[in-house]
PDB file of N, CA and C in Angstrom:
ATOM      1  N   UNK A   1      92.934  56.796 170.168  1.00  0.00           N
ATOM      2  CA  UNK A   1      92.648  55.714 170.755  1.00  0.00           C
ATOM      3  C   UNK A   1      92.444  56.311 172.144  1.00  0.00           C
ATOM      4  N   UNK A   2      91.126  55.742 172.812  1.00  0.00           N
ATOM      5  CA  UNK A   2      90.729  56.028 174.373  1.00  0.00           C
ATOM      6  C   UNK A   2      91.962  55.602 175.186  1.00  0.00           C
ATOM      7  N   UNK A   3      92.687  55.982 176.470  1.00  0.00           N
ATOM      8  CA  UNK A   3      93.083  55.045 177.326  1.00  0.00           C
ATOM      9  C   UNK A   3      92.791  54.149 178.148  1.00  0.00           C
ATOM     10  N   UNK A   4      93.315  53.078 179.107  1.00  0.00           N
ATOM     11  CA  UNK A   4      92.741  51.939 179.063  1.00  0.00           C
ATOM     12  C   UNK A   4      91.872  52.635 180.052  1.00  0.00           C
ATOM     13  N   UNK A   5      91.219  52.357 180.709  1.00  0.00           N
ATOM     14  CA  UNK A   5      90.616  52.563 182.613  1.00  0.00           C
ATOM     15  C   UNK A   5      90.386  51.241 182.905  1.00  0.00           C
ATOM     16  N   UNK A   6      90.993  51.233 184.238  1.00  0.00           N
ATOM     17  CA  UNK A   6      90.502  50.088 185.441  1.00  0.00           C
ATOM     18  C   UNK A   6      90.150  50.830 186.874  1.00  0.00           C
ATOM     19  N   UNK A   7      89.844  49.657 187.089  1.00  0.00           N
ATOM     20  CA  UNK A   7      88.421  50.064 187.724  1.00  0.00           C
ATOM     21  C   UNK A   7      88.644  48.966 189.309  1.00  0.00           C
ATOM     22  N   UNK A   8      89.110  48.532 190.075  1.00  0.00           N
ATOM     23  CA  UNK A   8      89.250  47.470 191.144  1.00  0.00           C
ATOM     24  C   UNK A   8      87.939  48.233 192.447  1.00  0.00           C
ATOM     25  N   UNK A   9      87.054  47.486 192.536  1.00  0.00           N
ATOM     26  CA  UNK A   9      86.377  47.367 193.068  1.00  0.00           C
ATOM     27  C   UNK A   9      85.772  45.920 194.497  1.00  0.00           C
ATOM     28  N   UNK A  10      84.776  46.448 194.744  1.00  0.00           N
ATOM     29  CA  UNK A  10      84.219  45.180 196.372  1.00  0.00           C
ATOM     30  C   UNK A  10      82.942  44.927 195.156  1.00  0.00           C
ATOM     31  N   UNK A  11      82.013  43.336 195.468  1.00  0.00           N
ATOM     32  CA  UNK A  11      80.653  43.450 195.268  1.00  0.00           C
ATOM     33  C   UNK A  11      80.133  44.509 195.899  1.00  0.00           C
ATOM     34  N   UNK A  12      80.222  44.872 197.086  1.00  0.00           N
ATOM     35  CA  UNK A  12      79.187  45.801 197.959  1.00  0.00           C
ATOM     36  C   UNK A  12      79.574  47.214 198.125  1.00  0.00           C
ATOM     37  N   UNK A  13      80.286  47.593 197.669  1.00  0.00           N
ATOM     38  CA  UNK A  13      80.276  48.993 197.518  1.00  0.00           C
ATOM     39  C   UNK A  13      79.472  49.481 196.441  1.00  0.00           C
ATOM     40  N   UNK A  14      78.619  50.650 197.362  1.00  0.00           N
ATOM     41  CA  UNK A  14      77.833  51.555 196.600  1.00  0.00           C
ATOM     42  C   UNK A  14      78.777  52.949 195.739  1.00  0.00           C
ATOM     43  N   UNK A  15      79.522  52.855 196.243  1.00  0.00           N
ATOM     44  CA  UNK A  15      80.560  53.815 195.470  1.00  0.00           C
ATOM     45  C   UNK A  15      80.998  53.734 194.350  1.00  0.00           C
ATOM     46  N   UNK A  16      81.494  51.551 194.175  1.00  0.00           N
ATOM     47  CA  UNK A  16      82.083  51.502 193.225  1.00  0.00           C
ATOM     48  C   UNK A  16      80.978  51.198 191.990  1.00  0.00           C
ATOM     49  N   UNK A  17      79.694  51.027 192.568  1.00  0.00           N
ATOM     50  CA  UNK A  17      78.499  51.307 191.320  1.00  0.00           C
ATOM     51  C   UNK A  17      78.223  52.234 190.801  1.00  0.00           C
ATOM     52  N   UNK A  18      78.315  53.453 191.849  1.00  0.00           N
ATOM     53  CA  UNK A  18      78.146  55.106 191.236  1.00  0.00           C
ATOM     54  C   UNK A  18      79.460  55.160 190.125  1.00  0.00           C
ATOM     55  N   UNK A  19      80.661  54.731 190.448  1.00  0.00           N
ATOM     56  CA  UNK A  19      81.611  54.996 189.524  1.00  0.00           C
ATOM     57  C   UNK A  19      81.708  54.479 188.016  1.00  0.00           C
ATOM     58  N   UNK A  20      80.793  53.245 188.264  1.00  0.00           N
ATOM     59  CA  UNK A  20      81.050  52.302 186.800  1.00  0.00           C
ATOM     60  C   UNK A  20      79.719  52.718 186.281  1.00  0.00           C
ATOM     61  N   UNK A  21      78.610  52.899 187.051  1.00  0.00           N
ATOM     62  CA  UNK A  21      77.122  53.785 186.729  1.00  0.00           C
ATOM     63  C   UNK A  21      77.645  54.980 185.732  1.00  0.00           C
ATOM     64  N   UNK A  22      78.546  55.471 186.268  1.00  0.00           N
ATOM     65  CA  UNK A  22      79.356  56.813 185.095  1.00  0.00           C
ATOM     66  C   UNK A  22      79.483  56.823 183.248  1.00  0.00           C
ATOM     67  N   UNK A  23      80.923  55.571 184.099  1.00  0.00           N
ATOM     68  CA  UNK A  23      81.792  55.109 182.947  1.00  0.00           C
ATOM     69  C   UNK A  23      80.471  54.575 181.603  1.00  0.00           C
ATOM     70  N   UNK A  24      79.634  53.750 182.233  1.00  0.00           N
ATOM     71  CA  UNK A  24      78.228  52.987 181.246  1.00  0.00           C
ATOM     72  C   UNK A  24      78.089  53.780 180.687  1.00  0.00           C
ATOM     73  N   UNK A  25      77.248  54.578 181.516  1.00  0.00           N
ATOM     74  CA  UNK A  25      76.445  55.608 181.177  1.00  0.00           C
ATOM     75  C   UNK A  25      77.382  56.817 179.609  1.00  0.00           C
ATOM     76  N   UNK A  26      78.032  56.947 180.164  1.00  0.00           N
ATOM     77  CA  UNK A  26      79.070  58.036 179.275  1.00  0.00           C
ATOM     78  C   UNK A  26      79.703  57.275 178.061  1.00  0.00           C
ATOM     79  N   UNK A  27      79.674  55.695 177.769  1.00  0.00           N
ATOM     80  CA  UNK A  27      79.877  55.352 176.909  1.00  0.00           C
ATOM     81  C   UNK A  27      81.183  54.290 177.218  1.00  0.00           C
ATOM     82  N   UNK A  28      82.296  54.379 178.078  1.00  0.00           N
ATOM     83  CA  UNK A  28      83.428  54.042 178.931  1.00  0.00           C
ATOM     84  C   UNK A  28      84.101  53.003 179.059  1.00  0.00           C
ATOM     85  N   UNK A  29      84.519  52.105 178.001  1.00  0.00           N
ATOM     86  CA  UNK A  29      84.529  50.754 177.806  1.00  0.00           C
ATOM     87  C   UNK A  29      85.722  50.513 179.313  1.00  0.00           C
ATOM     88  N   UNK A  30      86.145  49.849 180.426  1.00  0.00           N
ATOM     89  CA  UNK A  30      86.357  49.805 181.388  1.00  0.00           C
ATOM     90  C   UNK A  30      86.814  48.169 181.922  1.00  0.00           C
ATOM     91  N   UNK A  31      88.119  47.793 182.573  1.00  0.00           N
ATOM     92  CA  UNK A  31      88.286  47.158 182.874  1.00  0.00           C
ATOM     93  C   UNK A  31      88.216  46.707 184.316  1.00  0.00           C
ATOM     94  N   UNK A  32      87.533  45.559 185.145  1.00  0.00           N
ATOM     95  CA  UNK A  32      86.899  46.041 186.254  1.00  0.00           C
ATOM     96  C   UNK A  32      87.526  44.647 187.240  1.00  0.00           C
ATOM     97  N   UNK A  33      88.058  44.792 187.770  1.00  0.00           N
ATOM     98  CA  UNK A  33      89.057  43.910 189.109  1.00  0.00           C
ATOM     99  C   UNK A  33      88.310  44.184 190.528  1.00  0.00           C
ATOM    100  N   UNK A  34      87.277  43.143 190.182  1.00  0.00           N
ATOM    101  CA  UNK A  34      87.395  42.867 191.545  1.00  0.00           C
ATOM    102  C   UNK A  34      87.732  41.920 192.344  1.00  0.00           C
ATOM    103  N   UNK A  35      87.677  42.572 193.613  1.00  0.00           N
ATOM    104  CA  UNK A  35      88.996  42.382 194.768  1.00  0.00           C
ATOM    105  C   UNK A  35      88.231  41.794 196.192  1.00  0.00           C
ATOM    106  N   UNK A  36      86.930  41.118 196.092  1.00  0.00           N
ATOM    107  CA  UNK A  36      85.740  41.337 197.226  1.00  0.00           C
ATOM    108  C   UNK A  36      86.515  39.604 198.148  1.00  0.00           C
ATOM    109  N   UNK A  37      87.017  39.164 196.998  1.00  0.00           N
ATOM    110  CA  UNK A  37      87.183  37.826 197.894  1.00  0.00           C
ATOM    111  C   UNK A  37      88.851  37.954 197.753  1.00  0.00           C
ATOM    112  N   UNK A  38      90.003  38.831 197.337  1.00  0.00           N
ATOM    113  CA  UNK A  38      90.779  38.266 197.217  1.00  0.00           C
ATOM    114  C   UNK A  38      91.892  39.727 197.608  1.00  0.00           C
ATOM    115  N   UNK A  39      92.203  39.175 199.326  1.00  0.00           N
ATOM    116  CA  UNK A  39      92.193  40.663 199.996  1.00  0.00           C
ATOM    117  C   UNK A  39      94.182  40.833 199.377  1.00  0.00           C
ATOM    118  N   UNK A  40      95.000  39.631 198.926  1.00  0.00           N
ATOM    119  CA  UNK A  40      96.624  39.875 198.827  1.00  0.00           C
ATOM    120  C   UNK A  40      96.236  41.178 197.613  1.00  0.00           C
ATOM    121  N   UNK A  41      95.480  40.499 196.419  1.00  0.00           N
ATOM    122  CA  UNK A  41      95.443  41.708 195.511  1.00  0.00           C
ATOM    123  C   UNK A  41      95.265  43.260 195.932  1.00  0.00           C
ATOM    124  N   UNK A  42      94.757  42.809 197.114  1.00  0.00           N
ATOM    125  CA  UNK A  42      93.671  44.436 196.876  1.00  0.00           C
ATOM    126  C   UNK A  42      94.575  45.070 198.648  1.00  0.00           C
ATOM    127  N   UNK A  43      95.413  44.632 199.112  1.00  0.00           N
ATOM    128  CA  UNK A  43      96.295  45.225 199.835  1.00  0.00           C
ATOM    129  C   UNK A  43      97.675  45.491 199.184  1.00  0.00           C
ATOM    130  N   UNK A  44      98.259  44.787 197.749  1.00  0.00           N
ATOM    131  CA  UNK A  44      98.936  44.706 196.758  1.00  0.00           C
ATOM    132  C   UNK A  44      98.849  46.298 196.322  1.00  0.00           C
ATOM    133  N   UNK A  45      97.166  46.988 195.976  1.00  0.00           N
ATOM    134  CA  UNK A  45      96.721  47.734 194.858  1.00  0.00           C
ATOM    135  C   UNK A  45      97.216  48.636 196.221  1.00  0.00           C
ATOM    136  N   UNK A  46      96.323  48.768 197.603  1.00  0.00           N
ATOM    137  CA  UNK A  46      96.991  49.681 198.515  1.00  0.00           C
ATOM    138  C   UNK A  46      98.124  50.271 199.035  1.00  0.00           C
ATOM    139  N   UNK A  47      99.100  48.879 198.984  1.00  0.00           N
ATOM    140  CA  UNK A  47     100.743  49.604 198.974  1.00  0.00           C
ATOM    141  C   UNK A  47     101.090  50.311 198.264  1.00  0.00           C
ATOM    142  N   UNK A  48     101.173  49.924 196.877  1.00  0.00           N
ATOM    143  CA  UNK A  48     101.407  49.857 195.959  1.00  0.00           C
ATOM    144  C   UNK A  48     100.808  51.789 195.477  1.00  0.00           C
ATOM    145  N   UNK A  49      99.398  52.467 196.011  1.00  0.00           N
ATOM    146  CA  UNK A  49      99.097  53.393 195.917  1.00  0.00           C
ATOM    147  C   UNK A  49      99.189  54.632 196.877  1.00  0.00           C
ATOM    148  N   UNK A  50      98.825  53.705 198.108  1.00  0.00           N
ATOM    149  CA  UNK A  50      98.585  54.459 199.558  1.00  0.00           C
ATOM    150  C   UNK A  50      96.385  55.154 199.316  1.00  0.00           C
ATOM    151  N   UNK A  51      95.924  54.237 198.149  1.00  0.00           N
ATOM    152  CA  UNK A  51      94.654  54.251 198.080  1.00  0.00           C
ATOM    153  C   UNK A  51      94.331  53.205 198.977  1.00  0.00           C
ATOM    154  N   UNK A  52      93.199  53.310 200.253  1.00  0.00           N
ATOM    155  CA  UNK A  52      92.971  52.709 201.442  1.00  0.00           C
ATOM    156  C   UNK A  52      91.654  52.164 201.114  1.00  0.00           C
ATOM    157  N   UNK A  53      90.639  52.962 199.725  1.00  0.00           N
ATOM    158  CA  UNK A  53      89.459  52.370 199.805  1.00  0.00           C
ATOM    159  C   UNK A  53      89.266  51.666 198.475  1.00  0.00           C
ATOM    160  N   UNK A  54      88.527  51.079 198.074  1.00  0.00           N
ATOM    161  CA  UNK A  54      87.077  50.952 196.488  1.00  0.00           C
ATOM    162  C   UNK A  54      86.436  51.975 196.400  1.00  0.00           C
ATOM    163  N   UNK A  55      86.216  52.589 195.678  1.00  0.00           N
ATOM    164  CA  UNK A  55      87.274  52.199 193.745  1.00  0.00           C
ATOM    165  C   UNK A  55      88.410  52.706 193.978  1.00  0.00           C
ATOM    166  N   UNK A  56      89.418  52.308 193.174  1.00  0.00           N
ATOM    167  CA  UNK A  56      90.462  52.554 192.902  1.00  0.00           C
ATOM    168  C   UNK A  56      90.511  52.597 191.292  1.00  0.00           C
ATOM    169  N   UNK A  57      90.369  54.302 191.098  1.00  0.00           N
ATOM    170  CA  UNK A  57      90.325  54.197 189.407  1.00  0.00           C
ATOM    171  C   UNK A  57      91.674  54.677 188.985  1.00  0.00           C
ATOM    172  N   UNK A  58      91.592  54.401 187.627  1.00  0.00           N
ATOM    173  CA  UNK A  58      93.308  54.446 186.926  1.00  0.00           C
ATOM    174  C   UNK A  58      92.767  54.910 185.368  1.00  0.00           C
ATOM    175  N   UNK A  59      93.119  55.645 185.053  1.00  0.00           N
ATOM    176  CA  UNK A  59      92.900  56.229 183.212  1.00  0.00           C
ATOM    177  C   UNK A  59      94.125  56.007 182.309  1.00  0.00           C
ATOM    178  N   UNK A  60      94.345  55.186 181.783  1.00  0.00           N
ATOM    179  CA  UNK A  60      96.184  54.875 181.734  1.00  0.00           C
ATOM    180  C   UNK A  60      96.944  54.785 182.858  1.00  0.00           C
ATOM    181  N   UNK A  61      97.919  55.045 183.235  1.00  0.00           N
ATOM    182  CA  UNK A  61      98.552  54.509 184.018  1.00  0.00           C
ATOM    183  C   UNK A  61      98.790  55.730 185.602  1.00  0.00           C
ATOM    184  N   UNK A  62      97.941  56.574 185.185  1.00  0.00           N
ATOM    185  CA  UNK A  62      97.176  57.369 186.065  1.00  0.00           C
ATOM    186  C   UNK A  62      96.483  57.547 187.477  1.00  0.00           C
ATOM    187  N   UNK A  63      96.171  57.573 188.808  1.00  0.00           N
ATOM    188  CA  UNK A  63      95.110  57.124 189.777  1.00  0.00           C
ATOM    189  C   UNK A  63      94.293  58.477 189.242  1.00  0.00           C
ATOM    190  N   UNK A  64      93.378  58.077 189.158  1.00  0.00           N
ATOM    191  CA  UNK A  64      92.252  59.125 189.486  1.00  0.00           C
ATOM    192  C   UNK A  64      91.797  59.410 190.418  1.00  0.00           C
ATOM    193  N   UNK A  65      91.416  58.654 191.503  1.00  0.00           N
ATOM    194  CA  UNK A  65      90.978  58.290 192.950  1.00  0.00           C
ATOM    195  C   UNK A  65      90.297  57.213 193.135  1.00  0.00           C
ATOM    196  N   UNK A  66      89.001  57.634 193.373  1.00  0.00           N
ATOM    197  CA  UNK A  66      87.723  57.423 193.310  1.00  0.00           C
ATOM    198  C   UNK A  66      86.598  57.395 192.866  1.00  0.00           C
ATOM    199  N   UNK A  67      84.937  57.253 193.584  1.00  0.00           N
ATOM    200  CA  UNK A  67      84.346  58.008 192.498  1.00  0.00           C
ATOM    201  C   UNK A  67      84.009  59.161 192.263  1.00  0.00           C
ATOM    202  N   UNK A  68      84.083  59.598 193.597  1.00  0.00           N
ATOM    203  CA  UNK A  68      83.712  61.485 193.927  1.00  0.00           C
ATOM    204  C   UNK A  68      84.970  61.835 193.337  1.00  0.00           C
ATOM    205  N   UNK A  69      86.009  61.533 192.606  1.00  0.00           N
ATOM    206  CA  UNK A  69      87.560  62.109 192.173  1.00  0.00           C
ATOM    207  C   UNK A  69      86.772  61.874 190.629  1.00  0.00           C
ATOM    208  N   UNK A  70      85.812  60.820 189.959  1.00  0.00           N
ATOM    209  CA  UNK A  70      85.939  60.537 189.138  1.00  0.00           C
ATOM    210  C   UNK A  70      83.874  61.335 188.140  1.00  0.00           C
ATOM    211  N   UNK A  71      83.894  61.643 189.422  1.00  0.00           N
ATOM    212  CA  UNK A  71      82.619  62.648 188.973  1.00  0.00           C
ATOM    213  C   UNK A  71      82.844  64.039 188.798  1.00  0.00           C
ATOM    214  N   UNK A  72      84.224  63.944 189.523  1.00  0.00           N
ATOM    215  CA  UNK A  72      84.574  65.602 190.083  1.00  0.00           C
ATOM    216  C   UNK A  72      84.788  66.416 188.221  1.00  0.00           C
ATOM    217  N   UNK A  73      85.370  64.932 187.889  1.00  0.00           N
ATOM    218  CA  UNK A  73      86.615  64.729 186.267  1.00  0.00           C
ATOM    219  C   UNK A  73      85.260  65.584 185.464  1.00  0.00           C
ATOM    220  N   UNK A  74      84.672  64.444 185.407  1.00  0.00           N
ATOM    221  CA  UNK A  74      83.786  64.915 184.742  1.00  0.00           C
ATOM    222  C   UNK A  74      82.564  66.261 184.113  1.00  0.00           C
ATOM    223  N   UNK A  75      82.437  66.313 185.968  1.00  0.00           N
ATOM    224  CA  UNK A  75      81.534  67.749 186.080  1.00  0.00           C
ATOM    225  C   UNK A  75      82.038  68.813 185.704  1.00  0.00           C
ATOM    226  N   UNK A  76      83.721  68.949 185.725  1.00  0.00           N
ATOM    227  CA  UNK A  76      84.699  69.979 185.572  1.00  0.00           C
ATOM    228  C   UNK A  76      85.068  69.675 183.863  1.00  0.00           C
ATOM    229  N   UNK A  77      84.047  68.919 183.490  1.00  0.00           N
ATOM    230  CA  UNK A  77      84.621  68.556 181.948  1.00  0.00           C
ATOM    231  C   UNK A  77      85.631  68.568 181.324  1.00  0.00           C
ATOM    232  N   UNK A  78      86.622  67.447 182.187  1.00  0.00           N
ATOM    233  CA  UNK A  78      88.007  66.912 182.476  1.00  0.00           C
ATOM    234  C   UNK A  78      87.895  65.425 181.942  1.00  0.00           C
ATOM    235  N   UNK A  79      86.795  64.990 181.572  1.00  0.00           N
ATOM    236  CA  UNK A  79      86.905  63.432 181.838  1.00  0.00           C
ATOM    237  C   UNK A  79      87.261  62.721 180.595  1.00  0.00           C
ATOM    238  N   UNK A  80      86.509  63.654 179.600  1.00  0.00           N
ATOM    239  CA  UNK A  80      86.631  63.010 178.133  1.00  0.00           C
ATOM    240  C   UNK A  80      88.288  63.265 177.523  1.00  0.00           C
ATOM    241  N   UNK A  81      88.740  64.688 177.858  1.00  0.00           N
ATOM    242  CA  UNK A  81      90.530  64.493 177.771  1.00  0.00           C
ATOM    243  C   UNK A  81      91.408  63.975 178.660  1.00  0.00           C
ATOM    244  N   UNK A  82      91.165  63.771 179.560  1.00  0.00           N
ATOM    245  CA  UNK A  82      91.587  62.935 180.224  1.00  0.00           C
ATOM    246  C   UNK A  82      91.761  61.548 179.565  1.00  0.00           C
ATOM    247  N   UNK A  83      90.503  61.032 178.853  1.00  0.00           N
ATOM    248  CA  UNK A  83      90.469  59.417 178.114  1.00  0.00           C
ATOM    249  C   UNK A  83      91.527  58.902 176.673  1.00  0.00           C
ATOM    250  N   UNK A  84      91.794  60.710 176.781  1.00  0.00           N
ATOM    251  CA  UNK A  84      92.478  60.765 175.134  1.00  0.00           C
ATOM    252  C   UNK A  84      94.118  60.678 175.166  1.00  0.00           C
TER     253      UNK A  84
END
């Protein structure tokens, strides 16, 4: 069974779209939490993890980072193994 993928996004973020596009292309199921209109939720996740921008991507309990980090994992062949 693959680890759960959670991505915090806003509806106006091009990096969020890039990250979601990669996950979709690889047929990776993910939970999207849109914080566009939820400043409290966005502040909570930023304070908890120290990540100041979206997307904020988790695989299981591990903070992966943003879209660039997700693409780097995929380019290095490490994304699939992180999911297991």
